[in-house]
């Protein structure tokens, strides 16, 4: 991980402000969902991106029964149906 040299304090409600420079760099705007991960002793914030439930791809997504699937995986599923005939 690369250090930014920016240090912020938590407020009384446990909140921390992400500096505008970092929000601009990652195209994060007000109300954007942010995912929170834990990696060892680190807390990682990541802008949430919807992705394919099978491969994690974030491009060319289709919605089926409120689940997202990329076109490549949809094609593979379609070919499975053809093989089982």
C-alpha atoms as a PDB file:
ATOM      1  CA  UNK A   1       0.000   0.000   0.000  1.00  0.00           C
ATOM      2  CA  UNK A   2       1.131   3.522  -0.756  1.00  0.00           C
ATOM      3  CA  UNK A   3       1.014   6.057   2.073  1.00  0.00           C
ATOM      4  CA  UNK A   4      -0.657   9.392   1.317  1.00  0.00           C
ATOM      5  CA  UNK A   5       0.772  11.126   4.362  1.00  0.00           C
ATOM      6  CA  UNK A   6      -2.752  12.284   5.261  1.00  0.00           C
ATOM      7  CA  UNK A   7      -3.890  11.608   8.819  1.00  0.00           C
ATOM      8  CA  UNK A   8      -7.490  12.055   9.991  1.00  0.00           C
ATOM      9  CA  UNK A   9      -9.111  11.511  13.380  1.00  0.00           C
ATOM     10  CA  UNK A  10     -12.341   9.640  14.031  1.00  0.00           C
ATOM     11  CA  UNK A  11     -15.175  11.795  15.309  1.00  0.00           C
ATOM     12  CA  UNK A  12     -17.330  10.845  18.298  1.00  0.00           C
ATOM     13  CA  UNK A  13     -19.565   8.707  16.049  1.00  0.00           C
ATOM     14  CA  UNK A  14     -16.656   6.744  14.561  1.00  0.00           C
ATOM     15  CA  UNK A  15     -16.653   8.610  11.230  1.00  0.00           C
ATOM     16  CA  UNK A  16     -13.658   9.687   9.216  1.00  0.00           C
ATOM     17  CA  UNK A  17     -13.638  12.103   6.264  1.00  0.00           C
ATOM     18  CA  UNK A  18     -12.003  10.903   3.044  1.00  0.00           C
ATOM     19  CA  UNK A  19      -9.993  13.849   1.695  1.00  0.00           C
ATOM     20  CA  UNK A  20     -11.318  15.506  -1.469  1.00  0.00           C
ATOM     21  CA  UNK A  21      -8.100  14.729  -3.355  1.00  0.00           C
ATOM     22  CA  UNK A  22      -8.607  10.998  -2.803  1.00  0.00           C
ATOM     23  CA  UNK A  23     -12.339  11.181  -3.583  1.00  0.00           C
ATOM     24  CA  UNK A  24     -11.546  12.957  -6.852  1.00  0.00           C
ATOM     25  CA  UNK A  25      -8.831  10.439  -7.734  1.00  0.00           C
ATOM     26  CA  UNK A  26     -11.284   7.541  -7.367  1.00  0.00           C
ATOM     27  CA  UNK A  27     -14.345   9.403  -8.690  1.00  0.00           C
ATOM     28  CA  UNK A  28     -16.191   9.067  -5.376  1.00  0.00           C
ATOM     29  CA  UNK A  29     -19.091  11.450  -4.915  1.00  0.00           C
ATOM     30  CA  UNK A  30     -21.659  12.037  -2.174  1.00  0.00           C
ATOM     31  CA  UNK A  31     -23.909   9.008  -1.548  1.00  0.00           C
ATOM     32  CA  UNK A  32     -21.602   6.564  -3.429  1.00  0.00           C
ATOM     33  CA  UNK A  33     -21.508   3.156  -1.709  1.00  0.00           C
ATOM     34  CA  UNK A  34     -18.141   2.248  -0.192  1.00  0.00           C
ATOM     35  CA  UNK A  35     -17.113  -1.314   0.708  1.00  0.00           C
ATOM     36  CA  UNK A  36     -15.082  -1.934   3.851  1.00  0.00           C
ATOM     37  CA  UNK A  37     -12.550  -4.786   3.922  1.00  0.00           C
ATOM     38  CA  UNK A  38     -10.151  -6.050   6.544  1.00  0.00           C
ATOM     39  CA  UNK A  39      -6.763  -7.339   5.356  1.00  0.00           C
ATOM     40  CA  UNK A  40      -4.626  -8.477   8.261  1.00  0.00           C
ATOM     41  CA  UNK A  41      -4.245  -5.402  10.459  1.00  0.00           C
ATOM     42  CA  UNK A  42      -5.433  -2.976   7.744  1.00  0.00           C
ATOM     43  CA  UNK A  43      -8.867  -1.499   7.050  1.00  0.00           C
ATOM     44  CA  UNK A  44      -9.411  -0.995   3.312  1.00  0.00           C
ATOM     45  CA  UNK A  45     -12.079   1.233   1.772  1.00  0.00           C
ATOM     46  CA  UNK A  46     -13.117   0.555  -1.822  1.00  0.00           C
ATOM     47  CA  UNK A  47     -15.682   2.215  -4.037  1.00  0.00           C
ATOM     48  CA  UNK A  48     -18.405  -0.370  -4.529  1.00  0.00           C
ATOM     49  CA  UNK A  49     -18.749  -1.720  -8.061  1.00  0.00           C
ATOM     50  CA  UNK A  50     -21.464  -4.122  -9.070  1.00  0.00           C
ATOM     51  CA  UNK A  51     -20.021  -7.298 -10.571  1.00  0.00           C
ATOM     52  CA  UNK A  52     -20.829 -10.679 -12.061  1.00  0.00           C
ATOM     53  CA  UNK A  53     -21.811 -13.195  -9.385  1.00  0.00           C
ATOM     54  CA  UNK A  54     -19.692 -15.874 -11.099  1.00  0.00           C
ATOM     55  CA  UNK A  55     -16.431 -14.240 -12.212  1.00  0.00           C
ATOM     56  CA  UNK A  56     -16.427 -10.773 -10.638  1.00  0.00           C
ATOM     57  CA  UNK A  57     -16.292  -8.916 -13.975  1.00  0.00           C
ATOM     58  CA  UNK A  58     -17.668  -5.362 -13.800  1.00  0.00           C
ATOM     59  CA  UNK A  59     -18.266  -4.846 -17.551  1.00  0.00           C
ATOM     60  CA  UNK A  60     -21.256  -5.755 -19.770  1.00  0.00           C
ATOM     61  CA  UNK A  61     -23.523  -6.874 -16.920  1.00  0.00           C
ATOM     62  CA  UNK A  62     -26.997  -8.316 -17.389  1.00  0.00           C
ATOM     63  CA  UNK A  63     -29.619  -8.593 -14.658  1.00  0.00           C
ATOM     64  CA  UNK A  64     -31.443 -11.899 -14.106  1.00  0.00           C
ATOM     65  CA  UNK A  65     -33.685 -12.432 -11.058  1.00  0.00           C
ATOM     66  CA  UNK A  66     -32.027  -9.467  -9.321  1.00  0.00           C
ATOM     67  CA  UNK A  67     -28.573 -11.011  -9.843  1.00  0.00           C
ATOM     68  CA  UNK A  68     -25.874  -9.639 -12.127  1.00  0.00           C
ATOM     69  CA  UNK A  69     -24.062 -11.795 -14.656  1.00  0.00           C
ATOM     70  CA  UNK A  70     -21.623 -10.737 -17.362  1.00  0.00           C
ATOM     71  CA  UNK A  71     -22.264 -11.580 -20.993  1.00  0.00           C
ATOM     72  CA  UNK A  72     -19.312 -13.992 -21.103  1.00  0.00           C
ATOM     73  CA  UNK A  73     -20.679 -16.090 -18.205  1.00  0.00           C
ATOM     74  CA  UNK A  74     -24.196 -15.882 -19.672  1.00  0.00           C
ATOM     75  CA  UNK A  75     -22.808 -17.320 -22.894  1.00  0.00           C
ATOM     76  CA  UNK A  76     -21.088 -20.144 -21.014  1.00  0.00           C
ATOM     77  CA  UNK A  77     -24.342 -20.974 -19.208  1.00  0.00           C
ATOM     78  CA  UNK A  78     -26.166 -20.948 -22.532  1.00  0.00           C
ATOM     79  CA  UNK A  79     -23.614 -23.367 -23.998  1.00  0.00           C
ATOM     80  CA  UNK A  80     -24.112 -25.723 -21.027  1.00  0.00           C
ATOM     81  CA  UNK A  81     -27.798 -25.961 -21.932  1.00  0.00           C
ATOM     82  CA  UNK A  82     -26.847 -26.908 -25.506  1.00  0.00           C
ATOM     83  CA  UNK A  83     -24.444 -29.630 -24.275  1.00  0.00           C
ATOM     84  CA  UNK A  84     -27.106 -31.215 -22.047  1.00  0.00           C
ATOM     85  CA  UNK A  85     -29.645 -31.673 -24.851  1.00  0.00           C
END
